[in-house]
């Protein structure tokens, strides 16, 4: 039992050079994309649950101004700039 192709979504994808099919559509009829960062459990062909798998601000307050956001970004970049070998 194969799903039918979603011709309209595929045509839209071709317009975008097959880089993507805009959400929530997929290449198959009756199937929709999950939102970014979400996960789903399916049992017996039925959706059991959908949840946000990752919450980047869990346990933290969202930045309230540009200065605070800049400081968070600078810290995030700085901790990724550490190298265990010399960088040319």
N, C-alpha and C. Protein backbone atom coordinates (compact mmCIF):
# COMPACT_ATOMS: atom_id res chain seq x y z
N UNK A 1 0.83 -1.18 0.00
CA UNK A 1 0.00 0.00 0.00
C UNK A 1 0.88 1.25 0.00
N UNK A 2 1.18 1.74 -1.17
CA UNK A 2 2.09 2.89 -1.29
C UNK A 2 1.32 4.20 -1.27
N UNK A 3 1.85 5.21 -0.60
CA UNK A 3 1.16 6.51 -0.59
C UNK A 3 1.22 7.16 -1.97
N UNK A 4 0.20 7.97 -2.27
CA UNK A 4 0.16 8.68 -3.54
C UNK A 4 1.06 9.92 -3.47
N UNK A 5 1.61 10.26 -4.63
CA UNK A 5 2.44 11.46 -4.70
C UNK A 5 1.56 12.71 -4.63
N UNK A 6 2.08 13.73 -4.00
CA UNK A 6 1.42 15.03 -3.92
C UNK A 6 1.98 15.87 -5.07
N UNK A 7 1.30 15.80 -6.20
CA UNK A 7 1.82 16.45 -7.42
C UNK A 7 2.00 17.96 -7.25
N UNK A 8 1.07 18.62 -6.58
CA UNK A 8 1.20 20.08 -6.39
C UNK A 8 2.44 20.42 -5.58
N UNK A 9 2.71 19.65 -4.53
CA UNK A 9 3.89 19.91 -3.70
C UNK A 9 5.16 19.65 -4.50
N UNK A 10 5.15 18.60 -5.32
CA UNK A 10 6.33 18.28 -6.13
C UNK A 10 6.58 19.38 -7.15
N UNK A 11 5.52 19.88 -7.77
CA UNK A 11 5.67 20.98 -8.74
C UNK A 11 6.24 22.21 -8.03
N UNK A 12 5.73 22.51 -6.84
CA UNK A 12 6.26 23.64 -6.07
C UNK A 12 7.73 23.42 -5.77
N UNK A 13 8.10 22.19 -5.42
CA UNK A 13 9.51 21.86 -5.17
C UNK A 13 10.35 22.08 -6.41
N UNK A 14 9.82 21.72 -7.58
CA UNK A 14 10.56 21.93 -8.83
C UNK A 14 10.79 23.41 -9.08
N UNK A 15 9.81 24.24 -8.74
CA UNK A 15 9.96 25.69 -8.89
C UNK A 15 11.12 26.18 -8.03
N UNK A 16 11.33 25.54 -6.88
CA UNK A 16 12.42 25.89 -5.96
C UNK A 16 13.66 25.04 -6.23
N UNK A 17 13.80 24.49 -7.43
CA UNK A 17 14.94 23.65 -7.82
C UNK A 17 15.10 22.45 -6.90
N UNK A 18 13.98 21.91 -6.41
CA UNK A 18 13.93 20.74 -5.52
C UNK A 18 14.76 20.93 -4.26
N UNK A 19 14.97 22.18 -3.87
CA UNK A 19 15.68 22.42 -2.62
C UNK A 19 14.78 22.14 -1.43
N UNK A 20 13.49 22.42 -1.60
CA UNK A 20 12.55 22.13 -0.51
C UNK A 20 11.12 22.20 -1.01
N UNK A 21 10.27 21.53 -0.28
CA UNK A 21 8.83 21.66 -0.47
C UNK A 21 8.34 22.42 0.76
N UNK A 22 7.71 23.57 0.55
CA UNK A 22 7.31 24.39 1.70
C UNK A 22 6.43 23.63 2.68
N UNK A 23 6.69 23.87 3.98
CA UNK A 23 5.88 23.19 4.99
C UNK A 23 4.47 23.74 4.98
N UNK A 24 3.52 22.99 5.39
CA UNK A 24 3.62 21.68 6.03
C UNK A 24 3.56 20.52 5.05
N UNK A 25 3.67 20.80 3.76
CA UNK A 25 3.47 19.77 2.73
C UNK A 25 4.68 18.86 2.57
N UNK A 26 4.45 17.69 2.00
CA UNK A 26 5.51 16.74 1.64
C UNK A 26 5.23 16.25 0.24
N UNK A 27 6.09 15.39 -0.26
CA UNK A 27 5.92 14.83 -1.60
C UNK A 27 4.80 13.78 -1.65
N UNK A 28 4.23 13.44 -0.50
CA UNK A 28 3.19 12.41 -0.44
C UNK A 28 1.87 12.97 0.06
N UNK A 29 0.77 12.57 -0.59
CA UNK A 29 -0.57 12.96 -0.16
C UNK A 29 -0.84 12.42 1.24
N UNK A 30 -1.45 13.23 2.07
CA UNK A 30 -1.85 12.77 3.40
C UNK A 30 -0.75 12.77 4.44
N UNK A 31 0.44 13.23 4.07
CA UNK A 31 1.56 13.32 5.01
C UNK A 31 1.96 14.78 5.15
N UNK A 32 2.12 15.23 6.37
CA UNK A 32 2.57 16.60 6.63
C UNK A 32 3.89 16.56 7.39
N UNK A 33 4.67 17.62 7.24
CA UNK A 33 5.95 17.71 7.95
C UNK A 33 5.71 18.02 9.42
N UNK A 34 6.63 17.52 10.23
CA UNK A 34 6.65 17.94 11.63
C UNK A 34 7.28 19.32 11.69
N UNK A 35 6.90 20.10 12.67
CA UNK A 35 7.53 21.41 12.86
C UNK A 35 8.97 21.21 13.30
N UNK A 36 9.86 22.15 12.99
CA UNK A 36 11.25 22.03 13.42
C UNK A 36 11.35 21.83 14.93
N UNK A 37 12.23 20.91 15.34
CA UNK A 37 12.45 20.65 16.75
C UNK A 37 11.42 19.74 17.40
N UNK A 38 10.51 19.18 16.62
CA UNK A 38 9.47 18.32 17.17
C UNK A 38 9.74 16.85 16.85
N UNK A 39 9.16 15.98 17.66
CA UNK A 39 9.26 14.53 17.47
C UNK A 39 7.87 13.94 17.58
N UNK A 40 7.73 12.70 17.07
CA UNK A 40 6.42 12.07 17.05
C UNK A 40 6.57 10.57 17.27
N UNK A 41 5.60 9.99 17.96
CA UNK A 41 5.54 8.53 18.10
C UNK A 41 4.28 8.06 17.38
N UNK A 42 4.46 7.05 16.49
CA UNK A 42 3.35 6.44 15.76
C UNK A 42 3.32 4.97 16.11
N UNK A 43 2.15 4.47 16.50
CA UNK A 43 1.97 3.05 16.79
C UNK A 43 0.72 2.57 16.06
N UNK A 44 0.85 1.44 15.37
CA UNK A 44 -0.30 0.89 14.67
C UNK A 44 -0.87 1.83 13.62
N UNK A 45 0.00 2.66 13.02
CA UNK A 45 -0.45 3.59 12.00
C UNK A 45 -1.15 4.82 12.54
N UNK A 46 -1.16 4.99 13.84
CA UNK A 46 -1.82 6.15 14.45
C UNK A 46 -0.81 6.97 15.26
N UNK A 47 -0.99 8.28 15.19
CA UNK A 47 -0.13 9.18 15.96
C UNK A 47 -0.48 9.04 17.44
N UNK A 48 0.52 8.71 18.24
CA UNK A 48 0.32 8.60 19.69
C UNK A 48 0.55 9.94 20.37
N UNK A 49 1.63 10.60 19.97
CA UNK A 49 1.95 11.89 20.59
C UNK A 49 2.93 12.67 19.71
N UNK A 50 2.84 13.98 19.79
CA UNK A 50 3.79 14.89 19.13
C UNK A 50 4.25 15.86 20.22
N UNK A 51 5.55 16.09 20.27
CA UNK A 51 6.06 17.02 21.28
C UNK A 51 7.27 17.76 20.73
N UNK A 52 7.56 18.87 21.39
CA UNK A 52 8.76 19.63 21.04
C UNK A 52 9.94 18.93 21.67
N UNK A 53 10.82 18.40 20.83
CA UNK A 53 11.94 17.59 21.29
C UNK A 53 13.02 18.44 21.95
N UNK A 54 13.16 19.66 21.49
CA UNK A 54 14.26 20.51 21.95
C UNK A 54 13.73 21.90 22.22
N UNK A 55 13.99 22.40 23.39
CA UNK A 55 13.63 23.77 23.74
C UNK A 55 14.90 24.51 24.12
N UNK A 56 15.41 25.36 23.22
CA UNK A 56 16.71 26.00 23.46
C UNK A 56 16.76 26.88 24.70
N UNK A 57 15.62 27.32 25.18
CA UNK A 57 15.62 28.21 26.34
C UNK A 57 15.05 27.53 27.59
N UNK A 58 15.01 26.21 27.60
CA UNK A 58 14.47 25.51 28.77
C UNK A 58 15.27 25.88 30.01
N UNK A 59 14.58 26.32 31.02
CA UNK A 59 15.24 26.68 32.27
C UNK A 59 15.93 28.03 32.24
N UNK A 60 15.78 28.77 31.16
CA UNK A 60 16.42 30.08 31.05
C UNK A 60 15.37 31.12 30.69
N UNK A 61 15.64 32.35 31.06
CA UNK A 61 14.78 33.44 30.63
C UNK A 61 15.21 33.87 29.24
N UNK A 62 14.27 34.22 28.39
CA UNK A 62 14.59 34.72 27.06
C UNK A 62 15.27 36.08 27.19
N UNK A 63 16.23 36.38 26.30
CA UNK A 63 16.88 37.69 26.37
C UNK A 63 15.83 38.80 26.18
N UNK A 64 15.99 39.85 26.95
CA UNK A 64 14.98 40.91 26.92
C UNK A 64 15.40 42.12 26.10
N UNK A 65 16.68 42.24 25.79
CA UNK A 65 17.10 43.37 24.98
C UNK A 65 18.28 42.98 24.10
N UNK A 66 18.64 43.88 23.19
CA UNK A 66 19.70 43.62 22.22
C UNK A 66 21.05 43.40 22.90
N UNK A 67 21.34 44.13 23.97
CA UNK A 67 22.62 43.98 24.67
C UNK A 67 22.75 42.58 25.27
N UNK A 68 21.69 42.11 25.90
CA UNK A 68 21.71 40.77 26.49
C UNK A 68 21.83 39.70 25.41
N UNK A 69 21.12 39.88 24.29
CA UNK A 69 21.20 38.92 23.19
C UNK A 69 22.60 38.89 22.61
N UNK A 70 23.21 40.06 22.43
CA UNK A 70 24.58 40.12 21.89
C UNK A 70 25.55 39.38 22.82
N UNK A 71 25.42 39.59 24.12
CA UNK A 71 26.31 38.93 25.09
C UNK A 71 26.14 37.41 25.01
N UNK A 72 24.91 36.93 24.89
CA UNK A 72 24.67 35.49 24.76
C UNK A 72 25.30 34.94 23.48
N UNK A 73 25.16 35.67 22.38
CA UNK A 73 25.75 35.22 21.11
C UNK A 73 27.27 35.21 21.18
N UNK A 74 27.85 36.25 21.78
CA UNK A 74 29.31 36.30 21.90
C UNK A 74 29.83 35.15 22.75
N UNK A 75 29.14 34.82 23.84
CA UNK A 75 29.53 33.68 24.67
C UNK A 75 29.42 32.37 23.90
N UNK A 76 28.34 32.22 23.13
CA UNK A 76 28.14 31.00 22.35
C UNK A 76 29.23 30.82 21.31
N UNK A 77 29.62 31.90 20.65
CA UNK A 77 30.68 31.82 19.64
C UNK A 77 32.02 31.56 20.31
N UNK A 78 32.31 32.25 21.41
CA UNK A 78 33.60 32.12 22.09
C UNK A 78 33.85 30.68 22.55
N UNK A 79 32.83 30.01 23.08
CA UNK A 79 33.05 28.64 23.57
C UNK A 79 33.25 27.66 22.41
N UNK A 80 32.89 28.04 21.21
CA UNK A 80 33.09 27.17 20.04
C UNK A 80 34.38 27.50 19.29
N UNK A 81 35.07 28.55 19.70
CA UNK A 81 36.31 28.95 19.04
C UNK A 81 37.53 28.28 19.66
N UNK A 82 37.34 27.50 20.70
CA UNK A 82 38.44 26.81 21.36
C UNK A 82 38.85 25.64 20.47
N UNK A 83 40.16 25.53 20.20
CA UNK A 83 40.65 24.44 19.36
C UNK A 83 41.73 23.68 20.12
N UNK A 84 41.78 22.37 19.91
CA UNK A 84 42.82 21.57 20.57
C UNK A 84 44.07 21.46 19.71
N UNK A 85 44.02 22.06 18.53
CA UNK A 85 45.19 22.09 17.64
C UNK A 85 45.33 23.52 17.12
N UNK A 86 46.54 23.90 16.70
CA UNK A 86 46.72 25.25 16.16
C UNK A 86 45.84 25.47 14.92
N UNK A 87 45.29 26.66 14.82
CA UNK A 87 44.47 27.02 13.67
C UNK A 87 45.28 27.95 12.80
N UNK A 88 45.35 27.64 11.51
CA UNK A 88 46.17 28.44 10.59
C UNK A 88 45.56 29.78 10.32
